[in-house]
C-alpha atoms as a PDB file:
ATOM      1  CA  MET A   1       0.000   0.000   0.000  1.00  0.00           C
ATOM      2  CA  VAL A   2       2.831   2.391   0.765  1.00  0.00           C
ATOM      3  CA  LEU A   3       5.527   1.053  -1.556  1.00  0.00           C
ATOM      4  CA  ILE A   4       4.060   2.322  -4.842  1.00  0.00           C
ATOM      5  CA  PRO A   5       3.771   5.988  -3.736  1.00  0.00           C
ATOM      6  CA  VAL A   6       7.253   5.840  -2.192  1.00  0.00           C
ATOM      7  CA  ALA A   7       8.674   4.405  -5.431  1.00  0.00           C
ATOM      8  CA  LEU A   8       6.932   7.099  -7.491  1.00  0.00           C
ATOM      9  CA  LEU A   9       8.247   9.801  -5.163  1.00  0.00           C
ATOM     10  CA  MET A  10      11.803   8.463  -5.400  1.00  0.00           C
ATOM     11  CA  GLY A  11      11.520   8.339  -9.194  1.00  0.00           C
ATOM     12  CA  ALA A  12      10.284  11.940  -9.300  1.00  0.00           C
ATOM     13  CA  VAL A  13      13.143  13.094  -7.065  1.00  0.00           C
ATOM     14  CA  GLY A  14      15.652  11.302  -9.301  1.00  0.00           C
ATOM     15  CA  LEU A  15      14.137  12.836 -12.431  1.00  0.00           C
ATOM     16  CA  CYS A  16      14.247  16.315 -10.887  1.00  0.00           C
ATOM     17  CA  ALA A  17      17.898  15.858  -9.903  1.00  0.00           C
ATOM     18  CA  PHE A  18      18.775  14.718 -13.426  1.00  0.00           C
ATOM     19  CA  LEU A  19      16.960  17.629 -15.066  1.00  0.00           C
ATOM     20  CA  ARG A  20      18.619  20.096 -12.717  1.00  0.00           C
ATOM     21  CA  SER A  21      22.079  18.755 -13.566  1.00  0.00           C
ATOM     22  CA  VAL A  22      21.323  18.969 -17.298  1.00  0.00           C
ATOM     23  CA  ARG A  23      20.185  22.586 -16.963  1.00  0.00           C
ATOM     24  CA  ALA A  24      23.306  23.420 -14.942  1.00  0.00           C
ATOM     25  CA  GLY A  25      25.518  22.196 -17.781  1.00  0.00           C
ATOM     26  CA  GLN A  26      26.886  19.112 -16.059  1.00  0.00           C
ATOM     27  CA  PHE A  27      26.754  17.070 -19.281  1.00  0.00           C
ATOM     28  CA  ARG A  28      27.718  19.829 -21.709  1.00  0.00           C
ATOM     29  CA  ASP A  29      31.250  18.702 -22.633  1.00  0.00           C
ATOM     30  CA  LEU A  30      32.117  15.160 -21.609  1.00  0.00           C
ATOM     31  CA  ASP A  31      35.242  14.786 -23.766  1.00  0.00           C
ATOM     32  CA  CYS A  32      37.189  17.781 -22.478  1.00  0.00           C
ATOM     33  CA  ALA A  33      37.406  16.700 -18.845  1.00  0.00           C
ATOM     34  CA  ALA A  34      38.281  13.164 -19.901  1.00  0.00           C
ATOM     35  CA  SER A  35      41.162  14.358 -22.067  1.00  0.00           C
ATOM     36  CA  LEU A  36      42.581  16.727 -19.437  1.00  0.00           C
ATOM     37  CA  ILE A  37      43.535  13.843 -17.170  1.00  0.00           C
ATOM     38  CA  LEU A  38      45.699  12.390 -19.939  1.00  0.00           C
ATOM     39  CA  LEU A  39      47.762  15.551 -20.369  1.00  0.00           C
ATOM     40  CA  ASN A  40      51.211  15.625 -18.791  1.00  0.00           C
ATOM     41  CA  ASP A  41      51.498  18.490 -16.279  1.00  0.00           C
ATOM     42  CA  GLY A  42      55.176  17.920 -15.559  1.00  0.00           C
ATOM     43  CA  GLY A  43      54.654  16.510 -12.093  1.00  0.00           C
ATOM     44  CA  GLY A  44      54.133  13.055 -10.772  1.00  0.00           C
ATOM     45  CA  ALA A  45      55.664   9.743 -11.756  1.00  0.00           C
ATOM     46  CA  SER A  46      55.755  10.419 -15.515  1.00  0.00           C
ATOM     47  CA  GLY A  47      58.949  12.491 -15.301  1.00  0.00           C
ATOM     48  CA  GLY A  48      57.601  15.681 -16.846  1.00  0.00           C
ATOM     49  CA  ASP A  49      59.560  15.603 -20.092  1.00  0.00           C
ATOM     50  CA  ARG A  50      56.805  17.311 -22.100  1.00  0.00           C
ATOM     51  CA  PRO A  51      54.768  20.407 -21.093  1.00  0.00           C
ATOM     52  CA  THR A  52      50.965  20.470 -21.248  1.00  0.00           C
ATOM     53  CA  PRO A  53      49.678  21.719 -24.627  1.00  0.00           C
ATOM     54  CA  HIS A  54      48.370  25.271 -24.337  1.00  0.00           C
ATOM     55  CA  ARG A  55      45.683  24.763 -26.998  1.00  0.00           C
ATOM     56  CA  GLU A  56      44.064  21.924 -25.062  1.00  0.00           C
ATOM     57  CA  ARG A  57      43.918  23.973 -21.881  1.00  0.00           C
ATOM     58  CA  GLN A  58      42.357  26.909 -23.727  1.00  0.00           C
ATOM     59  CA  ARG A  59      39.764  24.651 -25.325  1.00  0.00           C
ATOM     60  CA  CYS A  60      38.869  23.339 -21.879  1.00  0.00           C
ATOM     61  CA  LYS A  61      39.163  26.628 -19.985  1.00  0.00           C
ATOM     62  CA  GLY A  62      35.606  26.319 -18.628  1.00  0.00           C
ATOM     63  CA  VAL A  63      36.521  23.085 -16.849  1.00  0.00           C
ATOM     64  CA  SER A  64      37.833  23.539 -13.329  1.00  0.00           C
ATOM     65  CA  GLN A  65      41.255  21.952 -12.941  1.00  0.00           C
ATOM     66  CA  VAL A  66      43.009  20.798  -9.798  1.00  0.00           C
ATOM     67  CA  GLY A  67      45.965  23.004  -8.949  1.00  0.00           C
ATOM     68  CA  ASP A  68      44.868  26.046 -11.008  1.00  0.00           C
END
């Protein structure tokens, strides 16, 4: 008796959260953030022999980056 309304309420809350994240731009550019992690920043275990490409950072300038 109670489970169906609770399930509908949980579904509505999930749908509202999804729509809010879409409107906030959470899913706008999925490829940029994924490619930033592959860039070599010069620190860490990779040795830092190559600097991070400036073009890639400018293309992804709307993405918040750790350490900036």
